[in-house]
Amino acid sequence: MNQREKMHTGDLYLPSDPAILQEQFECLERLCDYNATRPHEAEKRETLLRQMFAEIGEGCYIEPPFHANWGGKHVHFGKNVYANFNLTLVDDTHIYVGDNTMFGPNVTVATAGHPVLPELRGQGYQYNMPVRIGKNCWLGAGVIVLPGVTIGEGTVVGAGSVVTKDLPANVVAVGNPCRVLREIGERDREYYFKDRKINLSPKE
């Protein structure tokens, strides 16, 4: 098994392998093009994202600047995914994001890790574990998701949280390390923010 193949197995590998770097730089060139687009160039952005990502559904929007180790090559987005400024995807292996999920500004989703043993870090070793984020999630500003984490659908992660372990579906979770605060329930059907009631007409 070569170094490139080990990127997706969880094994230790050397990311400085020349074959890896050559492919990675090509991906980063397209990422640079994306971040250089003007605000009115929506069609150009959409075309670039389809070239950059492993999969990307309709209606996705990523606000530049966007940062990714592989420019999205190992990222799988469903439909209508929204990302605010400075989304960082450490996509050395696969990141899966479900439909209608939202990322606040300055969110980081990381798949790459380094050994705790200093001698191995000194030799440049790395390992990667995939991240899975379900449908209809909302990750608030500054959230950090660590390698190997799965977040269940419908879950809200509070701003500034560091997600070190899996989170179930349909909960509000906050903190460092991130923990479940409560389930999403009946009160959320009545109030959208503190004491502000939901009062929408059927058309809205």
N, C-alpha and C. Protein backbone atom coordinates (compact mmCIF):
# COMPACT_ATOMS: atom_id res chain seq x y z
N MET A 1 0.85 -1.20 0.00
CA MET A 1 0.00 0.00 0.00
C MET A 1 0.88 1.25 0.00
N ASN A 2 0.64 2.15 -0.95
CA ASN A 2 1.47 3.35 -1.01
C ASN A 2 0.93 4.43 -0.07
N GLN A 3 1.67 5.54 0.04
CA GLN A 3 1.31 6.60 0.98
C GLN A 3 -0.05 7.21 0.62
N ARG A 4 -0.33 7.37 -0.65
CA ARG A 4 -1.61 7.96 -1.09
C ARG A 4 -2.79 7.10 -0.65
N GLU A 5 -2.66 5.79 -0.76
CA GLU A 5 -3.74 4.88 -0.37
C GLU A 5 -3.98 4.90 1.13
N LYS A 6 -2.93 5.13 1.91
CA LYS A 6 -3.06 5.15 3.37
C LYS A 6 -3.83 6.36 3.88
N MET A 7 -4.00 7.36 3.03
CA MET A 7 -4.74 8.55 3.45
C MET A 7 -6.16 8.22 3.91
N HIS A 8 -6.74 7.17 3.36
CA HIS A 8 -8.15 6.86 3.63
C HIS A 8 -8.36 5.58 4.44
N THR A 9 -7.30 5.08 5.06
CA THR A 9 -7.42 3.85 5.85
C THR A 9 -7.30 4.08 7.35
N GLY A 10 -6.91 5.29 7.76
CA GLY A 10 -6.64 5.55 9.16
C GLY A 10 -5.24 5.18 9.59
N ASP A 11 -4.45 4.63 8.67
CA ASP A 11 -3.06 4.27 8.97
C ASP A 11 -2.17 5.50 9.02
N LEU A 12 -1.05 5.37 9.71
CA LEU A 12 -0.04 6.43 9.66
C LEU A 12 0.55 6.49 8.26
N TYR A 13 0.78 7.70 7.78
CA TYR A 13 1.38 7.87 6.45
C TYR A 13 2.14 9.19 6.43
N LEU A 14 2.85 9.43 5.34
CA LEU A 14 3.67 10.62 5.20
C LEU A 14 3.04 11.56 4.17
N PRO A 15 2.40 12.65 4.61
CA PRO A 15 1.73 13.56 3.69
C PRO A 15 2.70 14.34 2.79
N SER A 16 3.99 14.28 3.11
CA SER A 16 4.99 14.97 2.30
C SER A 16 5.46 14.15 1.10
N ASP A 17 4.86 12.98 0.90
CA ASP A 17 5.19 12.15 -0.25
C ASP A 17 5.03 12.98 -1.54
N PRO A 18 6.02 12.97 -2.43
CA PRO A 18 5.97 13.83 -3.63
C PRO A 18 4.72 13.62 -4.48
N ALA A 19 4.27 12.39 -4.62
CA ALA A 19 3.07 12.13 -5.43
C ALA A 19 1.84 12.76 -4.80
N ILE A 20 1.76 12.73 -3.46
CA ILE A 20 0.65 13.36 -2.76
C ILE A 20 0.69 14.87 -2.95
N LEU A 21 1.85 15.46 -2.77
CA LEU A 21 1.97 16.91 -2.86
C LEU A 21 1.62 17.42 -4.26
N GLN A 22 2.04 16.71 -5.28
CA GLN A 22 1.74 17.13 -6.64
C GLN A 22 0.23 17.21 -6.87
N GLU A 23 -0.48 16.17 -6.45
CA GLU A 23 -1.93 16.15 -6.61
C GLU A 23 -2.60 17.22 -5.75
N GLN A 24 -2.10 17.39 -4.54
CA GLN A 24 -2.67 18.36 -3.62
C GLN A 24 -2.52 19.79 -4.15
N PHE A 25 -1.36 20.10 -4.69
CA PHE A 25 -1.15 21.45 -5.22
C PHE A 25 -2.09 21.76 -6.38
N GLU A 26 -2.39 20.77 -7.20
CA GLU A 26 -3.33 20.97 -8.31
C GLU A 26 -4.72 21.33 -7.77
N CYS A 27 -5.12 20.66 -6.69
CA CYS A 27 -6.40 20.98 -6.06
C CYS A 27 -6.40 22.39 -5.47
N LEU A 28 -5.30 22.78 -4.88
CA LEU A 28 -5.21 24.09 -4.25
C LEU A 28 -5.21 25.22 -5.28
N GLU A 29 -4.77 24.93 -6.49
CA GLU A 29 -4.86 25.93 -7.55
C GLU A 29 -6.31 26.29 -7.84
N ARG A 30 -7.19 25.29 -7.90
CA ARG A 30 -8.61 25.56 -8.13
C ARG A 30 -9.23 26.29 -6.95
N LEU A 31 -8.81 25.93 -5.74
CA LEU A 31 -9.30 26.63 -4.55
C LEU A 31 -8.92 28.10 -4.61
N CYS A 32 -7.70 28.38 -5.04
CA CYS A 32 -7.25 29.76 -5.19
C CYS A 32 -8.12 30.51 -6.20
N ASP A 33 -8.47 29.84 -7.29
CA ASP A 33 -9.36 30.44 -8.28
C ASP A 33 -10.72 30.77 -7.67
N TYR A 34 -11.24 29.85 -6.86
CA TYR A 34 -12.56 30.07 -6.24
C TYR A 34 -12.52 31.30 -5.33
N ASN A 35 -11.50 31.40 -4.51
CA ASN A 35 -11.42 32.51 -3.57
C ASN A 35 -11.15 33.85 -4.26
N ALA A 36 -10.73 33.80 -5.52
CA ALA A 36 -10.49 35.03 -6.27
C ALA A 36 -11.72 35.51 -7.03
N THR A 37 -12.83 34.78 -6.95
CA THR A 37 -14.03 35.19 -7.67
C THR A 37 -14.64 36.44 -7.05
N ARG A 38 -15.37 37.17 -7.90
CA ARG A 38 -16.07 38.36 -7.46
C ARG A 38 -17.47 38.00 -6.96
N PRO A 39 -18.09 38.84 -6.13
CA PRO A 39 -19.39 38.50 -5.56
C PRO A 39 -20.48 38.20 -6.59
N HIS A 40 -20.44 38.82 -7.77
CA HIS A 40 -21.49 38.59 -8.75
C HIS A 40 -21.24 37.36 -9.62
N GLU A 41 -20.13 36.66 -9.42
CA GLU A 41 -19.78 35.53 -10.29
C GLU A 41 -20.31 34.21 -9.73
N ALA A 42 -21.62 34.17 -9.51
CA ALA A 42 -22.23 32.99 -8.90
C ALA A 42 -22.08 31.75 -9.77
N GLU A 43 -22.28 31.89 -11.07
CA GLU A 43 -22.17 30.73 -11.96
C GLU A 43 -20.75 30.19 -11.99
N LYS A 44 -19.78 31.07 -11.99
CA LYS A 44 -18.38 30.65 -11.97
C LYS A 44 -18.06 29.89 -10.68
N ARG A 45 -18.55 30.38 -9.56
CA ARG A 45 -18.33 29.70 -8.28
C ARG A 45 -18.94 28.30 -8.30
N GLU A 46 -20.16 28.22 -8.82
CA GLU A 46 -20.84 26.91 -8.87
C GLU A 46 -20.06 25.93 -9.74
N THR A 47 -19.57 26.39 -10.87
CA THR A 47 -18.78 25.54 -11.77
C THR A 47 -17.50 25.05 -11.08
N LEU A 48 -16.83 25.96 -10.40
CA LEU A 48 -15.59 25.59 -9.72
C LEU A 48 -15.85 24.57 -8.61
N LEU A 49 -16.91 24.78 -7.83
CA LEU A 49 -17.20 23.84 -6.75
C LEU A 49 -17.47 22.44 -7.28
N ARG A 50 -18.13 22.34 -8.41
CA ARG A 50 -18.39 21.02 -9.00
C ARG A 50 -17.09 20.36 -9.46
N GLN A 51 -16.12 21.15 -9.83
CA GLN A 51 -14.81 20.61 -10.20
C GLN A 51 -13.99 20.24 -8.96
N MET A 52 -14.16 20.98 -7.89
CA MET A 52 -13.34 20.84 -6.70
C MET A 52 -13.78 19.71 -5.79
N PHE A 53 -15.11 19.53 -5.62
CA PHE A 53 -15.64 18.62 -4.61
C PHE A 53 -15.79 17.20 -5.15
N ALA A 54 -15.73 16.24 -4.23
CA ALA A 54 -16.05 14.85 -4.60
C ALA A 54 -17.50 14.75 -5.02
N GLU A 55 -18.39 15.40 -4.25
CA GLU A 55 -19.82 15.48 -4.55
C GLU A 55 -20.34 16.80 -4.00
N ILE A 56 -21.22 17.43 -4.76
CA ILE A 56 -21.87 18.64 -4.22
C ILE A 56 -23.25 18.76 -4.85
N GLY A 57 -24.27 18.89 -4.00
CA GLY A 57 -25.64 18.94 -4.47
C GLY A 57 -26.05 20.32 -4.94
N GLU A 58 -27.27 20.43 -5.41
CA GLU A 58 -27.81 21.70 -5.89
C GLU A 58 -28.01 22.66 -4.72
N GLY A 59 -27.87 23.94 -5.03
CA GLY A 59 -28.20 24.97 -4.07
C GLY A 59 -27.18 25.20 -2.97
N CYS A 60 -25.97 24.68 -3.11
CA CYS A 60 -24.94 24.89 -2.09
C CYS A 60 -24.28 26.25 -2.29
N TYR A 61 -23.91 26.86 -1.18
CA TYR A 61 -23.25 28.17 -1.25
C TYR A 61 -22.15 28.22 -0.20
N ILE A 62 -20.96 28.56 -0.63
CA ILE A 62 -19.81 28.71 0.28
C ILE A 62 -19.26 30.11 0.10
N GLU A 63 -19.33 30.89 1.15
CA GLU A 63 -18.85 32.27 1.10
C GLU A 63 -17.33 32.30 1.15
N PRO A 64 -16.66 32.87 0.15
CA PRO A 64 -15.21 33.03 0.25
C PRO A 64 -14.85 33.99 1.39
N PRO A 65 -13.67 33.85 1.99
CA PRO A 65 -12.67 32.83 1.69
C PRO A 65 -13.03 31.47 2.27
N PHE A 66 -12.72 30.46 1.50
CA PHE A 66 -12.92 29.05 1.86
C PHE A 66 -11.55 28.39 1.88
N HIS A 67 -11.32 27.58 2.90
CA HIS A 67 -10.01 26.94 3.06
C HIS A 67 -10.20 25.42 3.15
N ALA A 68 -9.36 24.68 2.43
CA ALA A 68 -9.43 23.22 2.48
C ALA A 68 -8.09 22.65 2.05
N ASN A 69 -7.61 21.67 2.82
CA ASN A 69 -6.30 21.07 2.52
C ASN A 69 -6.21 20.53 1.10
N TRP A 70 -7.33 19.96 0.65
CA TRP A 70 -7.38 19.39 -0.70
C TRP A 70 -8.40 20.09 -1.57
N GLY A 71 -8.76 21.30 -1.20
CA GLY A 71 -9.67 22.09 -2.02
C GLY A 71 -11.05 21.48 -2.19
N GLY A 72 -11.43 20.57 -1.29
CA GLY A 72 -12.74 19.93 -1.38
C GLY A 72 -12.74 18.59 -2.09
N LYS A 73 -11.58 18.10 -2.50
CA LYS A 73 -11.51 16.86 -3.28
C LYS A 73 -12.12 15.67 -2.56
N HIS A 74 -12.07 15.66 -1.23
CA HIS A 74 -12.61 14.54 -0.46
C HIS A 74 -13.86 14.93 0.33
N VAL A 75 -14.56 15.96 -0.16
CA VAL A 75 -15.74 16.48 0.55
C VAL A 75 -17.00 16.13 -0.24
N HIS A 76 -18.02 15.68 0.50
CA HIS A 76 -19.29 15.25 -0.08
C HIS A 76 -20.41 16.09 0.56
N PHE A 77 -20.96 17.05 -0.19
CA PHE A 77 -22.04 17.90 0.29
C PHE A 77 -23.35 17.45 -0.34
N GLY A 78 -24.41 17.42 0.48
CA GLY A 78 -25.75 17.21 -0.05
C GLY A 78 -26.27 18.49 -0.68
N LYS A 79 -27.60 18.65 -0.70
CA LYS A 79 -28.23 19.82 -1.30
C LYS A 79 -28.34 20.95 -0.28
N ASN A 80 -28.28 22.17 -0.78
CA ASN A 80 -28.59 23.37 0.01
C ASN A 80 -27.73 23.51 1.26
N VAL A 81 -26.48 23.14 1.16
CA VAL A 81 -25.54 23.36 2.26
C VAL A 81 -25.04 24.79 2.18
N TYR A 82 -25.05 25.49 3.31
CA TYR A 82 -24.60 26.88 3.35
C TYR A 82 -23.41 27.01 4.30
N ALA A 83 -22.38 27.73 3.85
CA ALA A 83 -21.22 27.98 4.70
C ALA A 83 -20.87 29.45 4.67
N ASN A 84 -20.77 30.05 5.84
CA ASN A 84 -20.39 31.45 5.95
C ASN A 84 -18.87 31.59 5.82
N PHE A 85 -18.36 32.80 6.02
CA PHE A 85 -16.94 33.10 5.81
C PHE A 85 -16.01 32.15 6.56
N ASN A 86 -14.88 31.85 5.93
CA ASN A 86 -13.76 31.14 6.58
C ASN A 86 -14.08 29.72 7.00
N LEU A 87 -14.92 29.02 6.24
CA LEU A 87 -15.06 27.59 6.48
C LEU A 87 -13.72 26.93 6.18
N THR A 88 -13.23 26.12 7.12
CA THR A 88 -11.99 25.39 6.95
C THR A 88 -12.27 23.90 7.01
N LEU A 89 -12.01 23.20 5.92
CA LEU A 89 -12.20 21.75 5.84
C LEU A 89 -10.83 21.10 5.68
N VAL A 90 -10.39 20.44 6.72
CA VAL A 90 -9.12 19.70 6.65
C VAL A 90 -9.47 18.35 6.03
N ASP A 91 -9.58 18.35 4.71
CA ASP A 91 -10.17 17.22 3.98
C ASP A 91 -9.11 16.25 3.45
N ASP A 92 -8.21 15.85 4.33
CA ASP A 92 -7.21 14.86 3.93
C ASP A 92 -7.83 13.48 3.72
N THR A 93 -8.98 13.25 4.34
CA THR A 93 -9.83 12.12 3.98
C THR A 93 -11.27 12.64 3.92
N HIS A 94 -12.24 11.77 3.87
CA HIS A 94 -13.60 12.16 3.47
C HIS A 94 -14.37 12.88 4.57
N ILE A 95 -15.11 13.93 4.14
CA ILE A 95 -16.04 14.66 4.97
C ILE A 95 -17.40 14.59 4.29
N TYR A 96 -18.42 14.13 5.04
CA TYR A 96 -19.77 13.97 4.50
C TYR A 96 -20.70 14.93 5.22
N VAL A 97 -21.45 15.73 4.46
CA VAL A 97 -22.37 16.72 5.04
C VAL A 97 -23.73 16.56 4.37
N GLY A 98 -24.78 16.40 5.17
CA GLY A 98 -26.12 16.17 4.65
C GLY A 98 -26.81 17.43 4.17
N ASP A 99 -27.95 17.23 3.52
CA ASP A 99 -28.75 18.33 2.97
C ASP A 99 -29.11 19.36 4.03
N ASN A 100 -29.16 20.63 3.61
CA ASN A 100 -29.69 21.74 4.41
C ASN A 100 -28.91 22.03 5.68
N THR A 101 -27.68 21.59 5.74
CA THR A 101 -26.84 21.90 6.90
C THR A 101 -26.19 23.26 6.72
N MET A 102 -26.02 23.99 7.83
CA MET A 102 -25.46 25.33 7.80
C MET A 102 -24.22 25.41 8.68
N PHE A 103 -23.21 26.14 8.18
CA PHE A 103 -21.98 26.41 8.92
C PHE A 103 -21.88 27.91 9.18
N GLY A 104 -21.73 28.29 10.44
CA GLY A 104 -21.48 29.68 10.76
C GLY A 104 -20.07 30.07 10.36
N PRO A 105 -19.71 31.35 10.54
CA PRO A 105 -18.36 31.78 10.18
C PRO A 105 -17.30 31.10 11.05
N ASN A 106 -16.15 30.88 10.43
CA ASN A 106 -14.96 30.37 11.13
C ASN A 106 -15.13 28.97 11.71
N VAL A 107 -15.91 28.13 11.05
CA VAL A 107 -16.04 26.73 11.46
C VAL A 107 -14.88 25.93 10.86
N THR A 108 -14.35 24.99 11.65
CA THR A 108 -13.30 24.09 11.20
C THR A 108 -13.76 22.65 11.36
N VAL A 109 -13.66 21.87 10.28
CA VAL A 109 -13.94 20.43 10.31
C VAL A 109 -12.64 19.73 9.92
N ALA A 110 -12.07 18.98 10.85
CA ALA A 110 -10.74 18.40 10.64
C ALA A 110 -10.80 16.88 10.60
N THR A 111 -10.19 16.30 9.58
CA THR A 111 -10.05 14.84 9.52
C THR A 111 -8.65 14.38 9.86
N ALA A 112 -7.69 15.28 9.88
CA ALA A 112 -6.28 14.89 10.04
C ALA A 112 -5.84 15.00 11.49
N GLY A 113 -5.04 14.03 11.91
CA GLY A 113 -4.45 14.04 13.24
C GLY A 113 -2.98 13.66 13.16
N HIS A 114 -2.29 13.88 14.27
CA HIS A 114 -0.86 13.55 14.35
C HIS A 114 -0.62 12.74 15.61
N PRO A 115 0.32 11.81 15.58
CA PRO A 115 0.58 10.97 16.76
C PRO A 115 0.98 11.80 17.97
N VAL A 116 0.59 11.34 19.14
CA VAL A 116 1.02 12.00 20.38
C VAL A 116 2.52 11.81 20.59
N LEU A 117 3.08 10.66 20.17
CA LEU A 117 4.50 10.37 20.37
C LEU A 117 5.36 11.35 19.58
N PRO A 118 6.21 12.13 20.25
CA PRO A 118 7.00 13.15 19.56
C PRO A 118 7.88 12.61 18.45
N GLU A 119 8.43 11.41 18.66
CA GLU A 119 9.32 10.86 17.64
C GLU A 119 8.60 10.65 16.31
N LEU A 120 7.36 10.21 16.36
CA LEU A 120 6.61 10.00 15.13
C LEU A 120 6.23 11.33 14.47
N ARG A 121 5.86 12.31 15.29
CA ARG A 121 5.57 13.63 14.72
C ARG A 121 6.80 14.21 14.06
N GLY A 122 7.95 13.99 14.69
CA GLY A 122 9.21 14.49 14.14
C GLY A 122 9.53 13.91 12.78
N GLN A 123 9.03 12.71 12.52
CA GLN A 123 9.25 12.07 11.22
C GLN A 123 8.18 12.48 10.20
N GLY A 124 7.20 13.27 10.65
CA GLY A 124 6.20 13.81 9.73
C GLY A 124 4.97 12.95 9.53
N TYR A 125 4.73 11.99 10.43
CA TYR A 125 3.59 11.10 10.23
C TYR A 125 2.26 11.77 10.57
N GLN A 126 1.24 11.31 9.90
CA GLN A 126 -0.13 11.81 10.05
C GLN A 126 -1.09 10.64 9.87
N TYR A 127 -2.30 10.81 10.39
CA TYR A 127 -3.38 9.85 10.11
C TYR A 127 -4.66 10.64 9.89
N ASN A 128 -5.63 10.04 9.21
CA ASN A 128 -6.89 10.72 8.89
C ASN A 128 -8.08 9.84 9.25
N MET A 129 -9.10 10.45 9.82
CA MET A 129 -10.35 9.77 10.15
C MET A 129 -11.53 10.57 9.60
N PRO A 130 -12.46 9.94 8.90
CA PRO A 130 -13.56 10.67 8.27
C PRO A 130 -14.51 11.32 9.27
N VAL A 131 -15.15 12.39 8.83
CA VAL A 131 -16.16 13.10 9.63
C VAL A 131 -17.49 13.04 8.89
N ARG A 132 -18.57 12.81 9.64
CA ARG A 132 -19.91 12.74 9.05
C ARG A 132 -20.84 13.68 9.81
N ILE A 133 -21.49 14.57 9.07
CA ILE A 133 -22.43 15.53 9.65
C ILE A 133 -23.77 15.33 8.94
N GLY A 134 -24.83 15.12 9.70
CA GLY A 134 -26.11 14.75 9.13
C GLY A 134 -26.86 15.90 8.48
N LYS A 135 -28.07 15.60 8.03
CA LYS A 135 -28.94 16.59 7.40
C LYS A 135 -29.45 17.60 8.45
N ASN A 136 -29.73 18.80 7.97
CA ASN A 136 -30.42 19.82 8.78
C ASN A 136 -29.69 20.19 10.06
N CYS A 137 -28.38 20.10 10.05
CA CYS A 137 -27.59 20.53 11.21
C CYS A 137 -27.24 22.00 11.10
N TRP A 138 -26.94 22.59 12.23
CA TRP A 138 -26.43 23.97 12.26
C TRP A 138 -25.24 24.00 13.20
N LEU A 139 -24.08 24.35 12.66
CA LEU A 139 -22.87 24.51 13.45
C LEU A 139 -22.60 25.99 13.57
N GLY A 140 -22.67 26.51 14.80
CA GLY A 140 -22.52 27.94 15.03
C GLY A 140 -21.10 28.43 14.81
N ALA A 141 -20.94 29.74 14.91
CA ALA A 141 -19.66 30.38 14.63
C ALA A 141 -18.54 29.78 15.48
N GLY A 142 -17.42 29.50 14.83
CA GLY A 142 -16.23 29.07 15.55
C GLY A 142 -16.23 27.64 16.04
N VAL A 143 -17.18 26.83 15.62
CA VAL A 143 -17.20 25.42 16.03
C VAL A 143 -16.01 24.68 15.40
N ILE A 144 -15.44 23.76 16.18
CA ILE A 144 -14.36 22.89 15.70
C ILE A 144 -14.82 21.45 15.84
N VAL A 145 -14.74 20.70 14.75
CA VAL A 145 -15.11 19.28 14.75
C VAL A 145 -13.84 18.47 14.51
N LEU A 146 -13.54 17.53 15.41
CA LEU A 146 -12.29 16.79 15.36
C LEU A 146 -12.42 15.50 14.55
N PRO A 147 -11.29 14.89 14.17
CA PRO A 147 -11.30 13.70 13.32
C PRO A 147 -12.15 12.56 13.87
N GLY A 148 -12.87 11.88 12.98
CA GLY A 148 -13.62 10.69 13.33
C GLY A 148 -14.98 10.93 13.92
N VAL A 149 -15.40 12.17 14.06
CA VAL A 149 -16.67 12.51 14.72
C VAL A 149 -17.85 12.34 13.75
N THR A 150 -18.98 11.88 14.30
CA THR A 150 -20.25 11.86 13.59
C THR A 150 -21.26 12.70 14.35
N ILE A 151 -21.95 13.59 13.63
CA ILE A 151 -22.99 14.43 14.22
C ILE A 151 -24.32 14.04 13.60
N GLY A 152 -25.28 13.66 14.42
CA GLY A 152 -26.57 13.20 13.93
C GLY A 152 -27.40 14.31 13.31
N GLU A 153 -28.37 13.94 12.48
CA GLU A 153 -29.16 14.91 11.74
C GLU A 153 -30.00 15.77 12.68
N GLY A 154 -30.20 17.02 12.26
CA GLY A 154 -31.02 17.95 13.01
C GLY A 154 -30.35 18.60 14.20
N THR A 155 -29.13 18.24 14.49
CA THR A 155 -28.45 18.72 15.70
C THR A 155 -27.88 20.12 15.52
N VAL A 156 -27.96 20.92 16.58
CA VAL A 156 -27.39 22.26 16.63
C VAL A 156 -26.18 22.23 17.56
N VAL A 157 -25.06 22.74 17.06
CA VAL A 157 -23.84 22.83 17.86
C VAL A 157 -23.57 24.30 18.14
N GLY A 158 -23.54 24.66 19.43
CA GLY A 158 -23.41 26.06 19.82
C GLY A 158 -22.09 26.67 19.44
N ALA A 159 -22.09 27.99 19.25
CA ALA A 159 -20.90 28.72 18.83
C ALA A 159 -19.73 28.45 19.77
N GLY A 160 -18.55 28.26 19.17
CA GLY A 160 -17.32 28.09 19.94
C GLY A 160 -17.10 26.69 20.50
N SER A 161 -17.99 25.77 20.21
CA SER A 161 -17.86 24.42 20.76
C SER A 161 -16.75 23.64 20.06
N VAL A 162 -16.15 22.71 20.80
CA VAL A 162 -15.15 21.80 20.25
C VAL A 162 -15.71 20.38 20.35
N VAL A 163 -16.04 19.80 19.20
CA VAL A 163 -16.72 18.52 19.16
C VAL A 163 -15.67 17.41 19.08
N THR A 164 -15.49 16.72 20.20
CA THR A 164 -14.46 15.68 20.29
C THR A 164 -15.03 14.27 20.16
N LYS A 165 -16.34 14.13 20.36
CA LYS A 165 -17.00 12.82 20.31
C LYS A 165 -18.31 12.92 19.53
N ASP A 166 -18.84 11.78 19.13
CA ASP A 166 -20.09 11.74 18.37
C ASP A 166 -21.22 12.43 19.12
N LEU A 167 -22.12 13.07 18.36
CA LEU A 167 -23.33 13.67 18.91
C LEU A 167 -24.55 13.00 18.29
N PRO A 168 -25.59 12.75 19.08
CA PRO A 168 -26.79 12.11 18.53
C PRO A 168 -27.60 13.10 17.70
N ALA A 169 -28.67 12.60 17.09
CA ALA A 169 -29.55 13.43 16.28
C ALA A 169 -30.46 14.29 17.17
N ASN A 170 -30.85 15.45 16.64
CA ASN A 170 -31.91 16.29 17.22
C ASN A 170 -31.64 16.72 18.65
N VAL A 171 -30.43 17.22 18.87
CA VAL A 171 -30.09 17.79 20.18
C VAL A 171 -29.43 19.14 19.98
N VAL A 172 -29.38 19.92 21.06
CA VAL A 172 -28.54 21.11 21.15
C VAL A 172 -27.35 20.73 22.00
N ALA A 173 -26.14 20.96 21.47
CA ALA A 173 -24.91 20.58 22.17
C ALA A 173 -23.96 21.77 22.19
N VAL A 174 -23.28 21.97 23.32
CA VAL A 174 -22.40 23.13 23.47
C VAL A 174 -21.18 22.76 24.31
N GLY A 175 -20.16 23.59 24.23
CA GLY A 175 -19.05 23.52 25.16
C GLY A 175 -17.76 22.95 24.60
N ASN A 176 -16.75 22.96 25.47
CA ASN A 176 -15.43 22.41 25.16
C ASN A 176 -14.95 21.60 26.36
N PRO A 177 -15.03 20.24 26.22
CA PRO A 177 -15.52 19.49 25.07
C PRO A 177 -17.04 19.59 24.95
N CYS A 178 -17.53 19.46 23.72
CA CYS A 178 -18.95 19.63 23.44
C CYS A 178 -19.77 18.51 24.07
N ARG A 179 -20.85 18.90 24.76
CA ARG A 179 -21.76 17.93 25.41
C ARG A 179 -23.20 18.29 25.08
N VAL A 180 -24.05 17.29 25.12
CA VAL A 180 -25.48 17.51 24.85
C VAL A 180 -26.07 18.36 25.97
N LEU A 181 -26.71 19.47 25.59
CA LEU A 181 -27.38 20.33 26.55
C LEU A 181 -28.82 19.90 26.75
N ARG A 182 -29.50 19.60 25.62
CA ARG A 182 -30.90 19.19 25.70
C ARG A 182 -31.32 18.63 24.34
N GLU A 183 -32.48 17.98 24.34
CA GLU A 183 -33.08 17.54 23.09
C GLU A 183 -33.86 18.69 22.46
N ILE A 184 -33.97 18.66 21.17
CA ILE A 184 -34.85 19.60 20.47
C ILE A 184 -36.28 19.09 20.64
N GLY A 185 -37.17 19.95 21.15
CA GLY A 185 -38.50 19.46 21.53
C GLY A 185 -39.63 20.41 21.21
N GLU A 186 -40.73 20.29 21.97
CA GLU A 186 -41.95 21.03 21.70
C GLU A 186 -41.77 22.54 21.84
N ARG A 187 -40.97 22.97 22.80
CA ARG A 187 -40.79 24.43 22.97
C ARG A 187 -40.18 25.05 21.72
N ASP A 188 -39.32 24.28 21.02
CA ASP A 188 -38.68 24.79 19.80
C ASP A 188 -39.68 24.94 18.66
N ARG A 189 -40.85 24.28 18.78
CA ARG A 189 -41.90 24.46 17.77
C ARG A 189 -42.67 25.76 18.01
N GLU A 190 -42.52 26.33 19.20
CA GLU A 190 -43.26 27.54 19.56
C GLU A 190 -42.38 28.78 19.58
N TYR A 191 -41.11 28.61 19.99
CA TYR A 191 -40.21 29.75 20.11
C TYR A 191 -38.96 29.52 19.25
N TYR A 192 -38.55 30.58 18.52
CA TYR A 192 -37.36 30.46 17.70
C TYR A 192 -36.13 31.08 18.36
N PHE A 193 -36.32 32.00 19.31
CA PHE A 193 -35.20 32.63 20.02
C PHE A 193 -35.71 33.18 21.34
N LYS A 194 -35.20 32.62 22.44
CA LYS A 194 -35.60 33.06 23.78
C LYS A 194 -37.13 33.11 23.87
N ASP A 195 -37.71 34.33 24.07
CA ASP A 195 -39.17 34.42 24.21
C ASP A 195 -39.84 34.88 22.93
N ARG A 196 -39.13 34.79 21.79
CA ARG A 196 -39.70 35.22 20.51
C ARG A 196 -40.46 34.06 19.89
N LYS A 197 -41.79 34.24 19.75
CA LYS A 197 -42.65 33.17 19.24
C LYS A 197 -42.58 33.07 17.71
N ILE A 198 -42.69 31.84 17.24
CA ILE A 198 -42.81 31.61 15.80
C ILE A 198 -44.21 32.01 15.39
N ASN A 199 -44.30 32.93 14.42
CA ASN A 199 -45.61 33.40 13.97
C ASN A 199 -45.55 33.63 12.47
N LEU A 200 -45.53 32.54 11.72
CA LEU A 200 -45.40 32.62 10.27
C LEU A 200 -46.70 32.18 9.61
N SER A 201 -47.04 32.84 8.53
CA SER A 201 -48.18 32.40 7.74
C SER A 201 -47.79 31.16 6.95
N PRO A 202 -48.76 30.38 6.48
CA PRO A 202 -48.44 29.16 5.72
C PRO A 202 -47.54 29.41 4.52
N LYS A 203 -47.68 30.57 3.88
CA LYS A 203 -46.87 30.89 2.70
C LYS A 203 -45.41 31.11 3.07
N GLU A 204 -45.14 31.52 4.29
CA GLU A 204 -43.78 31.80 4.72
C GLU A 204 -43.09 30.53 5.20
